[in-house]
Protein backbone atom coordinates (compact mmCIF):
# COMPACT_ATOMS: atom_id res chain seq x y z
CA MET A 1 116.53 95.24 120.22
CA PRO A 2 112.94 96.56 119.84
CA ALA A 3 112.81 100.32 119.46
CA LEU A 4 110.61 100.84 122.49
CA HIS A 5 113.34 99.39 124.75
CA ARG A 6 116.24 101.45 123.39
CA ARG A 7 115.68 104.51 125.56
CA ILE A 8 115.46 102.37 128.70
CA HIS A 9 118.73 100.63 127.84
CA ARG A 10 120.43 103.94 127.06
CA LEU A 11 119.34 105.27 130.45
CA ALA A 12 120.48 102.09 132.17
CA THR A 13 123.86 102.16 130.44
CA ALA A 14 124.43 105.77 131.45
CA ALA A 15 123.49 104.95 135.03
CA ALA A 16 125.78 101.94 135.09
CA LEU A 17 128.70 104.03 133.83
CA ALA A 18 128.02 106.70 136.43
CA LEU A 19 127.78 104.09 139.15
CA GLY A 20 130.46 101.76 137.93
CA ALA A 21 131.72 101.01 141.41
CA LEU A 22 128.48 99.19 142.15
CA GLY A 23 129.31 96.29 139.87
CA PRO A 24 126.92 94.28 137.71
CA LEU A 25 123.20 94.11 138.30
CA ALA A 26 122.88 90.38 137.80
CA GLY A 27 124.88 87.20 137.93
CA ALA A 28 126.87 88.01 141.10
CA GLN A 29 127.47 85.09 143.41
CA ASP A 30 126.22 84.99 146.96
CA GLU A 31 128.49 84.78 149.98
CA GLY A 32 128.42 81.00 149.79
CA GLY A 33 129.67 81.14 146.20
CA ALA A 34 126.60 80.03 144.26
CA ALA A 35 124.08 82.45 142.89
CA GLY A 36 120.51 81.25 143.21
CA ARG A 37 121.28 78.20 145.39
CA GLU A 38 119.83 77.46 148.79
CA ARG A 39 122.00 78.33 151.80
CA ALA A 40 119.32 78.38 154.48
CA PRO A 41 119.02 75.68 157.13
CA GLY A 42 115.99 73.46 157.57
CA GLY A 43 117.00 70.38 155.63
CA ARG A 44 116.99 71.82 152.10
CA GLY A 45 119.48 70.32 149.73
CA GLN A 46 122.34 72.44 148.46
CA ASP A 47 121.12 72.03 144.86
CA GLU A 48 117.60 73.26 145.54
CA PRO A 49 116.93 76.75 144.11
CA ALA A 50 117.06 79.35 146.86
CA ARG A 51 114.03 81.23 147.95
CA PRO A 52 114.54 84.84 146.91
CA ASN A 53 115.03 87.86 149.05
CA ILE A 54 112.20 90.34 148.51
CA LEU A 55 112.58 94.15 148.45
CA LEU A 56 109.23 95.94 148.23
CA VAL A 57 109.62 99.67 147.50
CA LEU A 58 106.68 102.05 147.73
CA ALA A 59 106.61 105.71 146.69
CA ASP A 60 104.05 108.10 148.18
CA ASP A 61 101.74 110.32 146.07
CA MET A 62 103.69 109.80 142.84
CA GLY A 63 102.11 110.06 139.39
CA PHE A 64 102.11 107.35 136.72
CA SER A 65 104.43 109.22 134.34
CA ASP A 66 106.90 110.76 136.80
CA VAL A 67 109.89 108.37 136.66
CA GLY A 68 112.14 108.16 133.63
CA CYS A 69 111.31 104.61 132.54
CA TYR A 70 107.60 105.53 132.42
CA GLY A 71 108.13 108.65 130.32
CA GLY A 72 109.10 111.25 132.91
CA GLU A 73 111.92 113.78 132.67
CA ILE A 74 112.71 113.30 136.38
CA GLU A 75 116.14 111.66 136.55
CA THR A 76 115.74 108.20 138.08
CA PRO A 77 118.75 106.16 136.91
CA GLN A 78 118.34 103.49 139.60
CA LEU A 79 114.71 102.77 138.73
CA ASP A 80 115.55 102.98 135.03
CA ARG A 81 118.25 100.33 135.33
CA LEU A 82 115.90 98.08 137.32
CA ALA A 83 113.40 98.47 134.49
CA ALA A 84 116.07 97.73 131.88
CA GLY A 85 116.97 94.50 133.70
CA GLY A 86 113.40 93.58 134.60
CA LEU A 87 109.80 94.23 133.65
CA ARG A 88 107.47 97.22 133.59
CA PHE A 89 103.76 96.68 134.08
CA THR A 90 101.61 99.17 132.18
CA GLN A 91 98.19 98.42 133.74
CA PHE A 92 98.86 97.96 137.43
CA TYR A 93 96.71 99.62 140.08
CA ASN A 94 96.69 100.82 143.66
CA ALA A 95 93.68 101.68 145.83
CA GLY A 96 93.77 105.45 145.17
CA ARG A 97 94.77 106.73 148.64
CA CYS A 98 97.71 106.26 151.02
CA CYS A 99 96.36 104.14 153.87
CA PRO A 100 93.84 102.01 151.93
CA THR A 101 96.58 101.10 149.47
CA ARG A 102 99.05 100.26 152.23
CA ALA A 103 96.52 98.09 154.05
CA SER A 104 95.71 96.27 150.80
CA LEU A 105 99.36 95.93 149.79
CA LEU A 106 100.43 94.51 153.15
CA THR A 107 97.57 92.02 153.48
CA GLY A 108 96.55 90.98 149.96
CA LEU A 109 92.98 91.97 150.80
CA TRP A 110 90.68 94.70 149.57
CA PRO A 111 91.08 97.75 151.85
CA HIS A 112 87.70 97.29 153.53
CA GLN A 113 88.50 93.64 154.34
CA ALA A 114 91.74 94.83 155.92
CA GLY A 115 89.85 97.32 158.16
CA VAL A 116 90.92 100.48 156.30
CA GLY A 117 87.97 101.27 154.04
CA ASP A 118 88.63 104.96 154.57
CA MET A 119 91.26 106.70 156.69
CA MET A 120 92.62 106.36 160.24
CA SER A 121 89.43 106.77 162.24
CA ASP A 122 86.94 104.25 163.61
CA GLU A 123 83.65 104.67 161.76
CA GLY A 124 81.73 101.97 163.60
CA SER A 125 82.08 98.84 161.44
CA ASP A 126 84.84 96.32 160.78
CA ALA A 127 85.50 97.66 157.27
CA TYR A 128 86.16 101.15 158.67
CA ARG A 129 88.14 100.65 161.90
CA GLY A 130 91.13 102.70 160.77
CA ASP A 131 93.29 99.84 162.00
CA LEU A 132 94.54 96.62 160.40
CA SER A 133 91.96 93.90 160.97
CA PRO A 134 92.79 91.01 163.35
CA ALA A 135 91.43 88.78 160.56
CA ALA A 136 94.18 89.98 158.21
CA VAL A 137 97.81 88.87 158.14
CA THR A 138 100.67 90.91 156.72
CA ILE A 139 103.31 89.82 154.22
CA ALA A 140 105.84 90.19 157.04
CA GLU A 141 103.89 87.83 159.31
CA VAL A 142 103.54 85.17 156.62
CA LEU A 143 107.17 85.37 155.52
CA LYS A 144 108.54 85.54 159.06
CA ASP A 145 106.70 82.29 159.79
CA ALA A 146 108.35 80.88 156.65
CA GLY A 147 111.84 81.67 157.96
CA TYR A 148 112.43 85.14 156.51
CA ALA A 149 114.12 88.05 158.25
CA THR A 150 111.71 91.01 158.04
CA PHE A 151 112.46 94.75 158.01
CA LEU A 152 110.49 97.94 157.43
CA SER A 153 111.96 101.39 156.90
CA GLY A 154 109.58 104.29 156.26
CA LYS A 155 105.88 105.05 156.51
CA TRP A 156 103.35 102.73 158.21
CA HIS A 157 99.98 104.58 158.21
CA VAL A 158 97.72 101.58 158.84
CA THR A 159 96.85 102.17 162.48
CA LYS A 160 95.01 104.81 164.45
CA GLN A 161 97.02 103.86 167.54
CA ILE A 162 99.19 106.99 167.73
CA GLY A 163 97.59 108.49 170.83
CA LEU A 164 101.02 108.96 172.40
CA TRP A 165 101.55 111.97 170.13
CA TYR A 166 97.99 113.23 170.38
CA GLY A 167 97.83 112.83 174.14
CA LEU A 168 94.95 110.34 173.79
CA PRO A 169 95.55 107.18 175.87
CA GLU A 170 92.46 105.49 174.44
CA VAL A 171 94.29 105.08 171.09
CA ASP A 172 97.74 104.29 172.46
CA ALA A 173 97.90 100.52 171.99
CA ARG A 174 100.68 98.96 169.96
CA HIS A 175 99.10 95.77 168.63
CA ASN A 176 99.10 97.17 165.09
CA TRP A 177 102.55 98.74 165.13
CA PRO A 178 105.03 97.19 162.67
CA ARG A 179 106.90 94.94 165.10
CA GLN A 180 103.61 93.51 166.33
CA ARG A 181 102.61 92.78 162.72
CA GLY A 182 105.62 90.74 161.67
CA PHE A 183 108.56 93.12 161.21
CA GLU A 184 111.66 92.31 163.25
CA ARG A 185 113.10 95.78 162.79
CA PHE A 186 111.33 99.06 162.11
CA TYR A 187 112.40 102.62 161.57
CA GLY A 188 109.97 105.25 160.38
CA THR A 189 106.75 107.11 161.00
CA LEU A 190 103.37 105.74 162.03
CA HIS A 191 101.40 108.80 160.85
CA GLY A 192 100.50 109.56 157.24
CA ALA A 193 102.43 112.78 156.57
CA ALA A 194 105.21 114.79 158.15
CA SER A 195 107.94 117.35 157.69
CA PHE A 196 110.96 115.84 155.96
CA TYR A 197 113.20 117.68 158.44
CA ASP A 198 111.26 116.93 161.64
CA PRO A 199 108.84 114.03 161.07
CA VAL A 200 106.19 113.39 163.71
CA THR A 201 105.66 109.86 165.14
CA LEU A 202 109.25 108.91 164.28
CA THR A 203 109.92 105.50 165.85
CA LEU A 204 112.78 103.00 166.04
CA ASP A 205 111.49 99.48 166.63
CA ASP A 206 108.92 100.18 169.40
CA GLU A 207 110.56 103.30 170.80
CA PRO A 208 109.34 106.81 169.86
CA GLN A 209 112.26 109.02 168.86
CA PRO A 210 112.97 112.66 169.70
CA SER A 211 113.18 115.32 167.02
CA PRO A 212 116.22 114.57 164.91
CA ARG A 213 119.22 116.85 165.10
CA GLY A 214 121.72 118.14 162.60
CA ASP A 215 121.57 117.67 158.84
CA PHE A 216 118.58 115.34 158.85
CA TYR A 217 116.38 114.61 155.82
CA TYR A 218 113.75 111.88 156.15
CA THR A 219 114.12 110.28 152.72
CA ASP A 220 117.85 109.79 153.35
CA ALA A 221 117.14 108.45 156.84
CA ILE A 222 114.70 105.86 155.45
CA SER A 223 117.31 104.69 152.95
CA GLU A 224 120.14 104.66 155.50
CA HIS A 225 118.20 102.63 158.06
CA ALA A 226 117.14 100.07 155.47
CA ALA A 227 120.76 99.74 154.36
CA ARG A 228 121.81 99.34 158.00
CA PHE A 229 119.21 96.63 158.64
CA LEU A 230 120.42 94.72 155.58
CA ARG A 231 124.11 95.09 156.44
CA GLU A 232 123.42 93.76 159.93
CA HIS A 233 121.40 90.92 158.43
CA PHE A 234 124.25 89.86 156.15
CA ALA A 235 126.77 90.21 159.00
CA ALA A 236 124.68 87.88 161.17
CA GLY A 237 125.13 85.16 158.57
CA ASP A 238 122.17 83.06 159.66
CA GLY A 239 121.34 82.16 156.06
CA ARG A 240 117.76 83.42 156.14
CA PRO A 241 116.37 85.24 153.10
CA PHE A 242 114.92 88.67 153.87
CA PHE A 243 111.77 90.64 153.22
CA CYS A 244 112.49 94.38 153.33
CA HIS A 245 109.72 96.91 152.87
CA LEU A 246 111.09 100.32 151.87
CA ALA A 247 108.16 102.73 152.28
CA TYR A 248 109.15 106.26 151.33
CA THR A 249 107.13 109.39 152.05
CA ALA A 250 108.54 111.05 148.92
CA PRO A 251 107.17 112.85 147.01
CA HIS A 252 104.14 113.39 149.28
CA TRP A 253 103.72 116.98 150.44
CA PRO A 254 105.20 119.04 152.03
CA LEU A 255 107.54 120.21 149.27
CA HIS A 256 110.78 119.74 151.19
CA ALA A 257 114.12 119.15 149.51
CA ARG A 258 117.75 120.07 150.07
CA ALA A 259 118.82 123.20 148.21
CA ARG A 260 121.53 121.34 146.26
CA ASP A 261 118.96 118.81 145.01
CA VAL A 262 116.54 121.52 143.93
CA GLU A 263 119.35 123.31 142.09
CA ARG A 264 119.88 120.21 139.92
CA CYS A 265 116.32 120.68 138.67
CA ALA A 266 116.52 124.46 138.15
CA GLY A 267 114.88 125.65 134.93
CA ARG A 268 113.55 122.24 134.00
CA TYR A 269 109.89 123.26 134.32
CA ASP A 270 109.99 126.80 132.98
CA GLY A 271 108.00 125.66 129.96
CA GLY A 272 105.00 124.81 132.12
CA TRP A 273 102.56 121.96 132.49
CA ASP A 274 101.02 121.98 129.02
CA GLU A 275 104.38 121.49 127.38
CA LEU A 276 105.30 118.87 129.97
CA ARG A 277 102.17 116.80 129.39
CA ARG A 278 102.75 116.74 125.63
CA ALA A 279 106.42 115.80 126.02
CA ARG A 280 105.67 113.04 128.50
CA LEU A 281 102.95 111.56 126.31
CA ALA A 282 105.33 111.42 123.36
CA ARG A 283 107.94 109.56 125.42
CA MET A 284 105.31 107.19 126.83
CA VAL A 285 104.22 106.29 123.31
CA GLU A 286 107.84 105.77 122.26
CA LEU A 287 108.40 103.46 125.26
CA GLY A 288 105.21 101.49 124.62
CA ILE A 289 103.72 102.49 127.97
CA VAL A 290 100.62 103.95 126.31
CA ASP A 291 99.02 103.33 122.94
CA ALA A 292 99.62 105.98 120.29
CA SER A 293 95.89 106.03 119.50
CA TRP A 294 94.87 107.10 123.02
CA ALA A 295 93.96 110.73 123.46
CA LEU A 296 95.66 112.92 126.02
CA SER A 297 92.99 113.77 128.57
CA PRO A 298 91.99 117.45 128.44
CA ARG A 299 93.75 119.80 130.83
CA ASP A 300 91.80 119.94 134.10
CA GLU A 301 89.08 122.56 133.72
CA LEU A 302 90.23 124.25 136.95
CA VAL A 303 93.79 124.65 135.65
CA ARG A 304 94.85 127.66 133.57
CA ALA A 305 96.88 127.41 130.42
CA TRP A 306 100.52 127.93 131.36
CA GLU A 307 100.73 131.20 129.44
CA ASP A 308 97.88 132.54 131.62
CA GLU A 309 99.46 131.51 134.92
CA PRO A 310 100.05 134.65 137.06
CA ARG A 311 102.80 133.12 139.23
CA PRO A 312 104.95 131.00 136.90
CA GLU A 313 108.15 131.38 138.95
CA TRP A 314 106.57 129.91 142.08
CA ARG A 315 104.81 127.19 140.10
CA ALA A 316 108.00 126.13 138.33
CA ARG A 317 109.86 126.07 141.66
CA ALA A 318 107.17 123.82 143.17
CA MET A 319 107.70 121.20 140.47
CA GLU A 320 111.48 121.50 140.80
CA VAL A 321 111.22 120.64 144.50
CA TYR A 322 108.86 117.75 143.73
CA ALA A 323 111.30 116.36 141.17
CA ALA A 324 114.16 116.76 143.66
CA GLN A 325 112.21 114.66 146.15
CA VAL A 326 111.82 111.84 143.63
CA GLU A 327 115.47 112.00 142.61
CA CYS A 328 116.57 111.77 146.26
CA MET A 329 114.39 108.69 146.67
CA ASP A 330 115.96 107.15 143.56
CA ARG A 331 119.47 107.70 144.98
CA GLY A 332 118.34 106.03 148.20
CA ILE A 333 117.15 103.00 146.27
CA GLY A 334 120.61 102.92 144.75
CA ARG A 335 122.14 102.69 148.23
CA ILE A 336 120.06 99.61 148.96
CA LEU A 337 120.98 98.00 145.63
CA SER A 338 124.62 98.70 146.42
CA VAL A 339 124.38 96.74 149.69
CA LEU A 340 122.77 93.83 147.86
CA GLU A 341 125.45 93.88 145.18
CA GLN A 342 128.25 94.02 147.73
CA HIS A 343 126.90 90.82 149.27
CA GLY A 344 126.18 89.07 145.98
CA ALA A 345 122.45 89.05 146.74
CA LEU A 346 120.88 91.10 143.96
CA ALA A 347 120.56 88.31 141.40
CA ASN A 348 118.19 86.37 143.64
CA THR A 349 116.30 89.36 145.07
CA LEU A 350 112.82 90.12 143.80
CA VAL A 351 112.59 93.91 143.71
CA LEU A 352 109.13 95.46 143.28
CA PHE A 353 108.63 99.21 142.94
CA LEU A 354 105.25 100.98 142.82
CA ALA A 355 103.32 103.98 144.18
CA ASP A 356 100.41 104.17 146.64
CA ASN A 357 98.25 106.53 144.53
CA GLY A 358 98.42 109.03 141.72
CA GLY A 359 99.67 112.58 141.95
CA SER A 360 97.91 114.69 144.57
CA ALA A 361 95.85 117.75 143.64
CA GLU A 362 95.67 118.85 147.28
CA GLU A 363 96.54 122.51 147.76
CA ALA A 364 98.35 123.28 151.02
CA HIS A 365 96.37 125.83 153.04
CA PRO A 366 97.17 127.89 156.13
CA LEU A 367 94.36 126.11 158.01
CA TRP A 368 96.51 122.97 157.94
CA LYS A 369 98.43 124.44 160.86
CA GLY A 370 96.22 122.51 163.29
CA GLY A 371 97.25 119.06 162.00
CA LEU A 372 99.57 116.72 163.89
CA HIS A 373 101.72 116.39 160.79
CA VAL A 374 102.41 120.16 160.50
CA PRO A 375 105.03 121.45 162.97
CA ARG A 376 104.37 124.90 164.42
CA SER A 377 108.04 125.81 164.24
CA THR A 378 111.31 124.51 162.91
CA ARG A 379 113.80 122.74 165.14
CA ALA A 380 115.62 126.08 165.41
CA GLY A 381 112.44 127.83 166.57
CA ARG A 382 111.42 129.69 163.38
CA PRO A 383 107.69 129.69 162.55
CA VAL A 384 106.66 127.32 159.77
CA ARG A 385 104.94 129.12 156.89
CA VAL A 386 102.03 126.89 155.89
CA GLY A 387 100.14 127.17 152.62
CA ASN A 388 100.76 127.72 148.91
CA ASP A 389 101.74 131.37 149.18
CA PRO A 390 103.56 132.43 145.98
CA ARG A 391 105.65 134.87 148.00
CA VAL A 392 107.28 131.89 149.75
CA LEU A 393 109.49 129.54 147.72
CA PRO A 394 109.09 125.88 148.77
CA GLY A 395 111.88 123.58 149.89
CA PRO A 396 113.28 124.77 153.26
CA GLU A 397 112.26 123.50 156.69
CA ASP A 398 110.24 126.63 157.51
CA THR A 399 107.83 126.05 154.57
CA TYR A 400 104.91 123.62 154.17
CA GLN A 401 103.49 123.59 150.64
CA SER A 402 102.25 121.29 147.87
CA TYR A 403 102.61 121.27 144.09
CA GLY A 404 98.85 121.28 143.59
CA ARG A 405 96.37 120.44 140.86
CA PRO A 406 98.24 121.73 137.76
CA TRP A 407 101.37 119.65 138.27
CA ALA A 408 99.39 116.66 139.54
CA ASN A 409 97.55 116.78 136.20
CA ALA A 410 100.97 116.49 134.53
CA SER A 411 102.22 113.77 136.90
CA ASN A 412 99.24 111.62 135.94
CA THR A 413 99.72 112.01 132.16
CA PRO A 414 97.77 110.97 130.13
CA PHE A 415 95.00 110.22 132.64
CA ARG A 416 92.15 112.09 134.36
CA LEU A 417 91.88 113.08 138.01
CA TYR A 418 94.09 112.40 141.00
CA LYS A 419 94.74 110.73 144.35
CA HIS A 420 91.44 110.04 146.15
CA PHE A 421 89.53 109.37 142.90
CA VAL A 422 89.32 106.00 141.16
CA HIS A 423 89.58 107.22 137.59
CA GLU A 424 92.92 106.19 136.07
CA GLY A 425 94.80 109.27 137.31
CA GLY A 426 94.09 108.26 140.91
CA ILE A 427 94.79 104.52 140.75
CA ALA A 428 97.28 103.80 137.95
CA THR A 429 100.78 103.06 139.25
CA PRO A 430 104.08 102.08 137.72
CA LEU A 431 105.18 98.59 138.72
CA ILE A 432 108.78 97.58 138.12
CA ALA A 433 109.74 93.96 138.80
CA HIS A 434 113.44 92.98 138.83
CA TRP A 435 114.67 89.45 139.59
CA PRO A 436 117.54 88.30 137.38
CA ALA A 437 117.40 84.72 138.68
CA ARG A 438 113.82 84.37 137.49
CA ILE A 439 113.01 87.11 134.93
CA ALA A 440 114.58 86.37 131.56
CA ASP A 441 112.70 88.92 129.44
CA ALA A 442 114.80 91.92 130.52
CA GLY A 443 113.45 95.33 129.55
CA ALA A 444 110.07 94.02 128.47
CA LEU A 445 106.57 95.27 129.20
CA ARG A 446 103.66 93.45 130.77
CA HIS A 447 100.16 94.66 129.90
CA ARG A 448 98.20 92.34 132.19
CA PRO A 449 95.97 94.30 134.59
CA GLY A 450 96.97 93.86 138.23
CA HIS A 451 96.32 95.35 141.66
CA VAL A 452 98.23 95.74 144.91
CA ILE A 453 96.27 92.76 146.27
CA ASP A 454 98.53 90.68 143.99
CA VAL A 455 101.71 91.57 145.89
CA MET A 456 100.92 89.29 148.87
CA ALA A 457 100.14 86.36 146.54
CA THR A 458 103.36 86.98 144.60
CA CYS A 459 105.50 87.11 147.74
CA VAL A 460 103.90 83.95 149.16
CA ASP A 461 104.43 82.15 145.85
CA ALA A 462 108.04 83.30 145.43
CA ALA A 463 108.92 82.44 149.06
CA ARG A 464 107.21 79.05 148.85
CA ALA A 465 105.41 80.07 152.02
CA SER A 466 102.05 78.92 153.39
CA TYR A 467 99.25 81.43 153.82
CA PRO A 468 97.57 80.68 157.18
CA ARG A 469 93.95 79.77 157.76
CA GLU A 470 94.09 81.12 161.29
CA ARG A 471 96.34 83.19 163.49
CA GLY A 472 96.21 83.53 167.25
CA GLY A 473 93.14 81.32 167.31
CA LEU A 474 91.22 83.60 164.93
CA PRO A 475 90.27 82.72 161.32
CA VAL A 476 92.23 84.61 158.66
CA THR A 477 90.50 86.14 155.64
CA PRO A 478 91.74 84.36 152.50
CA MET A 479 93.95 86.52 150.29
CA GLU A 480 92.25 87.98 147.25
CA GLY A 481 95.13 88.52 144.82
CA GLU A 482 96.81 86.46 142.13
CA SER A 483 100.52 85.68 141.94
CA LEU A 484 102.47 87.49 139.22
CA LEU A 485 105.17 84.81 138.88
CA ALA A 486 103.63 83.28 135.76
CA VAL A 487 103.26 86.78 134.26
CA PHE A 488 106.99 87.34 134.81
CA GLU A 489 107.51 84.60 132.24
CA ARG A 490 104.66 85.35 129.83
CA ASP A 491 102.20 88.24 129.46
CA ASP A 492 98.57 87.24 129.88
CA PRO A 493 95.81 89.80 129.29
CA GLU A 494 93.15 87.70 131.04
CA ARG A 495 92.28 88.75 134.56
CA GLY A 496 89.24 88.56 136.81
CA PRO A 497 87.41 91.68 137.97
CA LEU A 498 89.13 94.43 139.96
CA PHE A 499 87.25 96.73 142.31
CA TRP A 500 87.61 100.12 143.98
CA GLU A 501 85.69 102.24 146.46
CA HIS A 502 86.99 105.24 148.33
CA GLU A 503 84.78 107.90 149.92
CA GLY A 504 81.97 107.23 147.46
CA ASN A 505 84.18 107.02 144.38
CA ALA A 506 83.60 103.60 142.85
CA ALA A 507 84.89 101.46 139.98
CA VAL A 508 85.07 97.95 138.59
CA ARG A 509 87.28 96.76 135.74
CA LEU A 510 86.70 93.53 133.85
CA GLY A 511 88.86 92.89 130.82
CA ARG A 512 88.94 95.99 128.65
CA TRP A 513 85.85 97.55 130.27
CA LYS A 514 85.82 99.88 133.24
CA LEU A 515 82.76 101.21 135.04
CA VAL A 516 83.58 104.21 137.23
CA ALA A 517 81.81 106.97 139.14
CA ARG A 518 82.75 109.96 141.23
CA HIS A 519 80.93 110.48 144.51
CA ASP A 520 77.78 112.47 143.94
CA PRO A 521 75.38 113.32 146.80
CA ALA A 522 72.53 113.23 144.28
CA GLY A 523 73.23 109.61 143.39
CA ARG A 524 75.83 107.56 141.57
CA ARG A 525 76.24 108.26 137.86
CA TRP A 526 78.24 105.51 136.25
CA GLU A 527 80.59 106.14 133.33
CA LEU A 528 81.73 103.31 131.06
CA PHE A 529 85.05 103.24 129.21
CA ASP A 530 86.69 100.85 126.79
CA LEU A 531 90.23 101.00 128.15
CA ALA A 532 91.69 99.17 125.16
CA LEU A 533 90.76 102.15 123.00
CA ASP A 534 90.48 104.96 125.52
CA ARG A 535 92.43 104.48 128.70
CA ALA A 536 92.45 108.26 129.26
CA GLU A 537 88.69 107.92 129.87
CA THR A 538 87.62 110.62 127.46
CA ARG A 539 84.62 108.87 125.77
CA ASP A 540 81.82 107.74 128.09
CA LEU A 541 79.94 104.80 126.54
CA ALA A 542 77.42 104.26 129.35
CA GLY A 543 74.50 105.58 127.30
CA ALA A 544 75.31 103.28 124.38
CA GLU A 545 75.90 100.14 126.52
CA PRO A 546 73.20 99.98 129.21
CA GLU A 547 73.28 96.18 129.50
CA ARG A 548 77.05 96.17 130.05
CA VAL A 549 76.67 98.92 132.63
CA ALA A 550 74.04 96.85 134.47
CA ARG A 551 76.23 93.70 134.48
CA LEU A 552 79.29 95.51 135.76
CA ALA A 553 77.28 97.45 138.34
CA ALA A 554 75.88 94.17 139.64
CA LEU A 555 79.42 92.82 140.02
CA TRP A 556 80.40 95.94 141.97
CA ASP A 557 77.31 95.74 144.20
CA ALA A 558 78.03 92.10 145.08
CA TRP A 559 81.66 92.91 145.88
CA ALA A 560 80.69 95.92 147.99
CA GLU A 561 78.23 93.81 149.98
CA ARG A 562 80.84 91.10 150.53
CA CYS A 563 83.51 93.56 151.70
CA GLY A 564 81.34 95.70 153.97
CA VAL A 565 81.35 98.87 151.84
CA ARG A 566 78.93 101.49 153.16
CA PRO A 567 77.33 104.48 151.40
CA TRP A 568 79.27 107.72 151.62
CA PRO A 569 79.29 109.81 153.73
CA LEU A 570 79.43 107.24 156.50
CA ARG A 571 77.75 109.44 159.11
């Protein structure tokens, strides 16, 4: 076994021993007695390979190096065992921010084509409606038409139509709620952020829900409802494959976690962020996730050295709570895998796990109290203490804090910058693909660049579905991504150009070269990086390669024109 896989297999073996009651990961037979054979109606022969179930799992505001199988110290045995039995992509990308990524993921289009070029507000053009475009179709719509059962549990955040909670009837339509966009069942939140103990915009199917009672924690509720939808699906016995989108809000702020989960992480981060970044980089090199020749990006210039940090106890606690949020999510994923194993369905289920953007440098501030997502008081009537006040330890319901720039810098090891930006720290995501019936190269890496636009194409390909040319009498924008199924079998470094734009931050990647710029009111200043030698983006080659800069900039300009990108700020 290659050395770089040994740690993953050790982690997977430990997880399997700890979770022995769950049975094997692969090779289990389905309820009809034949793994990987078609049971659905519609005239298919019994010997024809079955279309797979698809489980699409999305984490929220999670850094590239956070989970164990990507070099993190956070304990994620469920994700680690999926990685050990599947593939890890090392150069996969999101769109750098929650809602643009979700719009792109769901539709296979660039965010602007999907109507979510920025956030959830209408900025006066089709690329910036803050609502899924009527010219876009979702994975759920395409697969439902192909005979799939479709479920969503978790965060939506691709519509501005939440006026019910704002008291604004002019944005209270439901045409872009999940059930109207292809999901048969939905449990979760429509808004982009919320308390984990009392989430705003909580909805079941089409019905808004009251504040939850009792020992409620949103990450667990997302997992439990997904498990319930799947158990009911198997009990119905109609033979349809399923598409289940599991869209967690963890580990997005606020820093909320049960005390017992935080206690499991106690003391883990007492050494600080400098030590953590070095340790993570060493593990990432050992695992083959990053090249040993790449430099670790410098510590953010606005972040102190750990030994100079005046509030280390609060800082360490913040990262403990963040880690507890990720570990709770991982246990929830385990609950879903358990349901699949109990019904013999895991072998022919394509599981994809990724994150919607890099770690978030946002610092919670008392002025956030005016937002819809910040409750004024707890369910018991205590005032919620909002902001990163070191006198208040994060975790309980009456707090609302974030882990901030220093730990986000560590989450995104070895890269620069964060959520919102389109340097690697903002857009690089883990991607784990697990499908025992199709993936033979268990535990291997794939270095091919990819983007969330590829998820739609992969699901359509795997499901043998037809992508529509029109829907409801309106033409549908052709999907932009490329299927990953061939890459599951063989790595292929060749890929066409990938593009980004978010609030004036811009980038294009073609092959090993990436042209990238931060928004600058004085005018765009492109940087050029050779990612094969310097993926941490520490050596700007723009001055030495003006012709390459011009060619890549022309590609970006043509893409921006085609997709309706406007100069920032929009107004």
